[in-house]
Protein backbone atom coordinates (compact mmCIF):
# COMPACT_ATOMS: atom_id res chain seq x y z
CA MET A 1 76.01 7.19 -18.31
CA SER A 2 76.23 8.55 -21.86
CA GLY A 3 72.95 9.73 -23.40
CA GLU A 4 71.46 11.21 -20.38
CA ILE A 5 70.96 14.66 -21.73
CA SER A 6 69.35 13.36 -24.79
CA VAL A 7 67.13 11.09 -22.91
CA GLN A 8 65.86 14.06 -20.63
CA GLY A 9 65.37 16.14 -23.86
CA LYS A 10 63.07 13.39 -25.35
CA MET A 11 61.21 13.24 -22.01
CA ASP A 12 60.79 16.98 -21.87
CA ALA A 13 59.34 16.84 -25.49
CA ILE A 14 56.81 13.99 -24.50
CA GLN A 15 55.81 16.01 -21.42
CA ASN A 16 55.33 19.25 -23.37
CA THR A 17 53.19 17.50 -26.06
CA PHE A 18 50.99 15.98 -23.47
CA LEU A 19 50.49 19.31 -21.61
CA HIS A 20 49.84 21.22 -24.74
CA VAL A 21 47.06 18.90 -25.82
CA GLN A 22 45.62 18.98 -22.09
CA ASP A 23 45.39 22.85 -22.60
CA ILE A 24 43.77 22.46 -25.92
CA PHE A 25 41.06 20.14 -24.56
CA PHE A 26 40.62 22.16 -21.45
CA GLU A 27 39.25 24.94 -23.64
CA SER A 28 36.95 22.61 -25.54
CA PRO A 29 36.42 18.95 -25.03
CA ASP A 30 34.97 18.52 -28.57
CA TRP A 31 37.55 16.22 -30.16
CA LYS A 32 36.36 16.65 -33.64
CA ARG A 33 37.48 20.30 -33.53
CA HIS A 34 41.07 19.14 -32.68
CA VAL A 35 41.95 16.30 -34.93
CA LEU A 36 43.88 18.45 -37.22
CA GLU A 37 45.95 19.92 -34.44
CA LEU A 38 46.67 16.38 -33.17
CA GLU A 39 47.99 15.38 -36.54
CA ALA A 40 50.06 18.54 -36.61
CA THR A 41 52.07 17.25 -33.83
CA GLY A 42 55.65 16.18 -34.70
CA ILE A 43 55.46 12.65 -35.89
CA GLU A 44 58.04 11.06 -33.26
CA PHE A 45 55.63 11.79 -30.39
CA ARG A 46 52.43 12.22 -32.25
CA SER A 47 51.01 9.28 -30.41
CA ILE A 48 51.47 11.07 -27.01
CA ALA A 49 49.10 13.89 -28.32
CA TYR A 50 46.56 11.25 -28.91
CA GLU A 51 47.24 9.69 -25.62
CA SER A 52 46.67 13.09 -23.97
CA ALA A 53 43.47 13.81 -25.97
CA SER A 54 42.26 10.17 -24.98
CA MET A 55 42.61 11.08 -21.24
CA SER A 56 40.63 14.35 -21.61
CA ILE A 57 37.87 12.79 -23.54
CA ALA A 58 37.56 9.88 -21.22
CA LEU A 59 37.37 12.09 -18.09
CA GLU A 60 34.57 14.12 -19.88
CA ASP A 61 32.73 10.87 -20.57
CA LEU A 62 33.14 9.85 -17.00
CA LYS A 63 31.86 13.14 -15.75
CA GLN A 64 28.68 12.62 -17.70
CA GLY A 65 28.01 8.99 -16.61
CA GLU A 66 29.27 5.34 -16.80
CA GLN A 67 29.52 5.24 -20.70
CA LEU A 68 32.58 5.80 -22.82
CA THR A 69 30.62 6.83 -26.03
CA ASN A 70 32.80 9.81 -27.05
CA TRP A 71 36.06 7.98 -26.31
CA LEU A 72 34.97 4.97 -28.24
CA GLN A 73 34.03 7.18 -31.28
CA PHE A 74 37.33 8.97 -31.04
CA LEU A 75 39.14 5.75 -31.01
CA ASN A 76 37.24 4.23 -33.92
CA GLU A 77 37.01 7.23 -36.17
CA ALA A 78 40.19 9.19 -35.68
CA ALA A 79 42.74 7.40 -33.57
CA SER A 80 43.03 3.70 -34.46
CA ALA A 81 46.45 4.06 -35.67
CA HIS A 82 47.32 5.26 -32.11
CA ALA A 83 45.24 2.48 -30.26
CA THR A 84 47.91 1.55 -27.86
CA GLN A 85 48.56 5.06 -26.51
CA VAL A 86 44.79 5.92 -26.65
CA HIS A 87 44.09 3.03 -24.32
CA VAL A 88 46.99 4.05 -22.07
CA GLY A 89 45.44 7.56 -21.87
CA LEU A 90 42.04 5.96 -21.00
CA GLY A 91 43.95 4.29 -17.91
CA TRP A 92 45.20 7.83 -17.07
CA ALA A 93 41.39 9.01 -16.83
CA PHE A 94 40.49 6.09 -14.68
CA ALA A 95 43.39 6.64 -12.41
CA GLN A 96 42.78 10.34 -12.01
CA ALA A 97 39.01 9.75 -11.44
CA LEU A 98 39.87 6.90 -9.00
CA LYS A 99 37.78 4.63 -10.99
CA ASN A 100 38.28 0.97 -11.20
CA PRO A 101 38.75 0.10 -14.96
CA ILE A 102 38.09 -3.63 -14.51
CA ASP A 103 34.27 -3.21 -15.26
CA TYR A 104 34.98 -1.68 -18.62
CA LEU A 105 37.51 -4.01 -20.11
CA ALA A 106 34.87 -6.36 -21.61
CA GLU A 107 33.90 -3.87 -24.27
CA LEU A 108 37.37 -3.13 -25.36
CA ASN A 109 39.49 -4.95 -27.88
CA PRO A 110 41.23 -7.99 -26.22
CA MET A 111 44.63 -7.06 -27.72
CA SER A 112 44.51 -3.33 -26.43
CA ARG A 113 42.42 -3.58 -23.21
CA TYR A 114 45.06 -4.34 -20.89
CA ARG A 115 47.06 -1.26 -21.89
CA VAL A 116 44.45 0.64 -20.04
CA LEU A 117 45.82 -0.95 -16.75
CA ASP A 118 49.34 0.07 -18.06
CA GLY A 119 48.20 3.54 -18.31
CA TYR A 120 46.56 3.19 -14.82
CA GLY A 121 49.79 1.96 -13.41
CA TYR A 122 51.91 4.59 -15.01
CA TYR A 123 49.79 7.31 -13.61
CA GLU A 124 50.00 5.92 -10.14
CA GLY A 125 53.83 5.72 -10.47
CA ILE A 126 54.09 9.37 -11.57
CA PHE A 127 51.48 10.99 -9.53
CA ARG A 128 50.98 8.76 -6.49
CA ARG A 129 54.48 7.92 -5.88
CA ARG A 130 54.43 7.31 -2.19
CA ARG A 131 51.52 4.84 -2.64
CA SER A 132 52.91 2.88 -5.63
CA ILE A 133 56.67 3.40 -5.44
CA ILE A 134 57.49 3.93 -1.97
CA ASN A 135 54.93 1.72 -0.23
CA HIS A 136 54.65 -0.59 -3.24
CA LEU A 137 50.88 -0.62 -3.27
CA LYS A 138 48.58 -0.94 -6.45
CA LEU A 139 45.12 -1.47 -7.50
CA ASN A 140 43.94 -4.81 -6.06
CA VAL A 141 42.48 -6.81 -8.96
CA GLU A 142 41.90 -10.53 -9.25
CA ASP A 143 42.59 -10.64 -12.95
CA THR A 144 46.41 -11.79 -13.11
CA VAL A 145 46.90 -10.24 -16.57
CA ALA A 146 45.59 -6.84 -15.32
CA SER A 147 47.78 -7.05 -12.33
CA SER A 148 50.75 -7.74 -14.57
CA ALA A 149 49.87 -4.67 -16.80
CA LEU A 150 49.74 -2.48 -13.89
CA ASP A 151 53.35 -3.46 -12.92
CA GLN A 152 54.21 -2.84 -16.54
CA GLY A 153 52.87 0.60 -16.43
CA ILE A 154 54.68 1.35 -13.04
CA GLY A 155 57.83 0.00 -14.62
CA ARG A 156 57.41 2.65 -17.48
CA SER A 157 57.06 5.41 -14.84
CA ILE A 158 60.24 4.23 -13.13
CA TRP A 159 62.27 5.35 -16.28
CA TYR A 160 60.73 8.74 -16.18
CA LEU A 161 61.09 9.16 -12.53
CA ASN A 162 64.78 8.27 -12.65
CA LYS A 163 65.32 10.50 -15.62
CA GLY A 164 66.98 7.80 -17.63
CA VAL A 165 69.47 6.77 -15.23
CA ILE A 166 69.58 2.97 -15.32
CA ASP A 167 71.41 2.41 -11.99
CA ASP A 168 68.77 4.43 -10.19
CA ALA A 169 65.83 2.77 -12.14
CA LYS A 170 67.34 -0.67 -11.29
CA ASN A 171 67.59 0.11 -7.51
CA MET A 172 64.02 1.42 -7.52
CA ILE A 173 62.81 -1.81 -9.08
CA GLU A 174 64.91 -3.92 -6.66
CA GLY A 175 62.80 -2.43 -3.88
CA PHE A 176 59.75 -4.27 -5.02
CA ALA A 177 58.77 -8.03 -4.40
CA VAL A 178 60.78 -10.22 -6.56
CA GLU A 179 57.64 -11.65 -8.33
CA ARG A 180 56.89 -8.24 -9.72
CA HIS A 181 60.26 -7.63 -11.27
CA LYS A 182 59.60 -9.19 -14.59
CA ASP A 183 56.65 -6.94 -15.30
CA LEU A 184 58.52 -3.79 -14.10
CA TRP A 185 61.54 -4.59 -16.36
CA ARG A 186 59.17 -5.22 -19.46
CA GLY A 187 57.69 -1.67 -18.80
CA LEU A 188 61.13 -0.20 -18.42
CA GLY A 189 62.12 -1.77 -21.76
CA ILE A 190 58.89 -0.21 -23.29
CA ALA A 191 59.76 3.25 -22.04
CA ILE A 192 63.51 3.09 -22.84
CA ALA A 193 62.83 2.06 -26.46
CA TYR A 194 59.87 4.40 -26.94
CA VAL A 195 61.41 7.50 -25.44
CA GLY A 196 64.81 7.15 -27.08
CA GLY A 197 67.84 9.21 -26.62
CA CYS A 198 70.26 6.24 -25.64
CA ASP A 199 73.20 5.55 -28.03
CA GLU A 200 74.24 1.94 -28.70
CA GLU A 201 76.90 1.92 -25.84
CA THR A 202 74.23 3.01 -23.49
CA LEU A 203 71.83 0.45 -24.57
CA GLN A 204 74.48 -2.22 -24.08
CA GLU A 205 75.08 -1.15 -20.55
CA ILE A 206 71.40 -1.25 -19.82
CA PHE A 207 71.09 -4.67 -21.32
CA ALA A 208 74.13 -5.97 -19.14
CA LYS A 209 72.54 -4.47 -15.97
CA SER A 210 69.14 -6.09 -16.64
CA ASP A 211 70.70 -9.34 -15.41
CA SER A 212 68.18 -12.10 -15.40
CA TYR A 213 65.47 -9.71 -16.88
CA LYS A 214 66.85 -9.49 -20.39
CA THR A 215 64.02 -11.26 -21.96
CA GLN A 216 61.55 -8.81 -20.44
CA LEU A 217 63.58 -5.80 -21.38
CA ALA A 218 63.84 -7.00 -24.98
CA THR A 219 60.05 -7.80 -24.94
CA GLY A 220 59.36 -4.24 -23.96
CA ALA A 221 61.42 -3.04 -26.81
CA ILE A 222 59.35 -5.22 -29.32
CA MET A 223 56.00 -3.85 -27.78
CA ALA A 224 57.29 -0.30 -28.37
CA LEU A 225 58.25 -1.05 -31.95
CA VAL A 226 55.00 -2.63 -32.72
CA SER A 227 53.06 0.41 -31.43
CA ARG A 228 55.21 2.55 -33.43
CA ASP A 229 54.71 0.66 -36.56
CA SER A 230 50.94 0.89 -35.97
CA ALA A 231 51.21 4.66 -35.83
CA LYS A 232 53.23 4.56 -39.13
CA TYR A 233 56.54 5.79 -37.72
CA ILE A 234 59.50 3.87 -36.39
CA SER A 235 62.03 6.01 -34.86
CA THR A 236 65.69 5.40 -35.15
CA ASP A 237 65.86 5.19 -31.34
CA THR A 238 63.39 2.34 -31.08
CA GLU A 239 64.81 0.68 -34.03
CA LEU A 240 68.25 0.71 -32.33
CA ALA A 241 66.99 -0.50 -29.10
CA CYS A 242 65.62 -3.61 -30.80
CA LYS A 243 68.81 -4.16 -32.76
CA VAL A 244 70.92 -3.99 -29.65
CA TRP A 245 68.79 -6.09 -27.39
CA CYS A 246 67.16 -8.50 -29.86
CA ASN A 247 70.01 -8.76 -32.53
CA LYS A 248 67.40 -8.32 -35.15
CA THR A 249 66.35 -5.56 -37.60
CA ALA A 250 63.06 -3.84 -37.09
CA GLU A 251 61.72 -5.65 -40.20
CA GLN A 252 62.70 -9.01 -38.82
CA ILE A 253 61.02 -8.32 -35.54
CA LEU A 254 57.79 -7.09 -37.26
CA GLU A 255 57.74 -10.38 -39.37
CA LEU A 256 58.23 -12.29 -36.22
CA ASN A 257 55.32 -10.44 -34.58
CA TYR A 258 53.09 -10.93 -37.52
CA SER A 259 53.88 -14.79 -37.36
CA ILE A 260 53.15 -14.98 -33.66
CA LYS A 261 49.81 -12.98 -34.14
CA SER A 262 48.66 -15.14 -37.11
CA LYS A 263 48.75 -18.20 -34.82
CA LEU A 264 46.48 -16.64 -31.96
CA ASP A 265 42.93 -16.04 -31.73
CA LEU A 266 43.08 -12.24 -31.47
CA THR A 267 39.48 -12.00 -30.36
CA GLY A 268 39.94 -14.17 -27.42
CA ASP A 269 39.98 -12.83 -23.96
CA ASP A 270 43.44 -14.47 -23.46
CA ALA A 271 44.96 -12.93 -26.65
CA TYR A 272 47.04 -10.28 -24.99
CA ALA A 273 48.56 -12.63 -22.38
CA LYS A 274 49.33 -15.22 -25.14
CA TRP A 275 50.86 -12.47 -27.20
CA ILE A 276 53.13 -11.35 -24.34
CA SER A 277 54.05 -14.99 -23.58
CA GLU A 278 55.06 -15.74 -27.16
CA LEU A 279 57.12 -12.65 -27.41
CA GLU A 280 59.03 -13.51 -24.28
CA ARG A 281 59.42 -17.14 -25.44
CA HIS A 282 61.15 -15.89 -28.71
CA CYS A 283 63.18 -13.40 -26.65
CA GLU A 284 64.40 -16.12 -24.19
CA ALA A 285 67.42 -16.96 -26.39
CA LEU A 286 68.88 -13.60 -25.40
CA ARG A 287 70.05 -15.00 -22.04
CA SER A 288 72.42 -17.37 -23.81
CA ASN A 289 72.96 -15.53 -27.06
CA PRO A 290 73.56 -11.78 -26.13
CA PRO A 291 73.51 -9.11 -28.77
CA ASN A 292 76.72 -8.47 -30.56
CA ALA A 293 78.78 -5.69 -28.96
């Protein structure tokens, strides 16, 4: 598959960014001392630096007690532009600490809180592969949206675990119960569009191989685009994935997203679930109207 080396290079850059920030925060957990270093990270994966910092700050908070005081201050004062990745980083912390995040969700923004479960699922996929990928187990939660977000995170991890090889990623997903496939493919779409490194031919190949999950794949790309837009940098890779899978420009997709959100109560507990549902509804046409080759 073309583009594999480039994809791996992007993944290596992400990993190196994450580990570099972990080293910084290991020396000192005081995030106020490190904001300038986070901002000095290359713009393409700057949000990953904030994700890594988020994990370290949250773990320190959890060591001190049950409150996320410093983490919330970090989010609100220094990292709001990277809110998606900061919530994902919080999920990493809960997963590493083996702490159920459900009790903490109520104090988080309804549009971001479920990305904590996404981060938890991703961590499980990468670091507890036997449990989550081989045995197909995950955190048992009654909240169906939270359960969906966990699988979305596991789906993101599957792209990394298979080093950007779509056939291997698809085979791994097919080992899961079929009712989990939609969320896993959405997560895969997020990862592919965010990581980048795939040329147009490769993206077309991935789209074709997503079979009945084209809607979820495209929705994942839109979610990656929205998070990048919030962070004030849309990579050419993310834009290309949206163009190929959604047959729309980044500007058109962001306008669509704005229109969808303008009709939702973004403060409601069901805001995130309704947003995903609306994105998928607008992407549904891709099944009968595939992107131009």
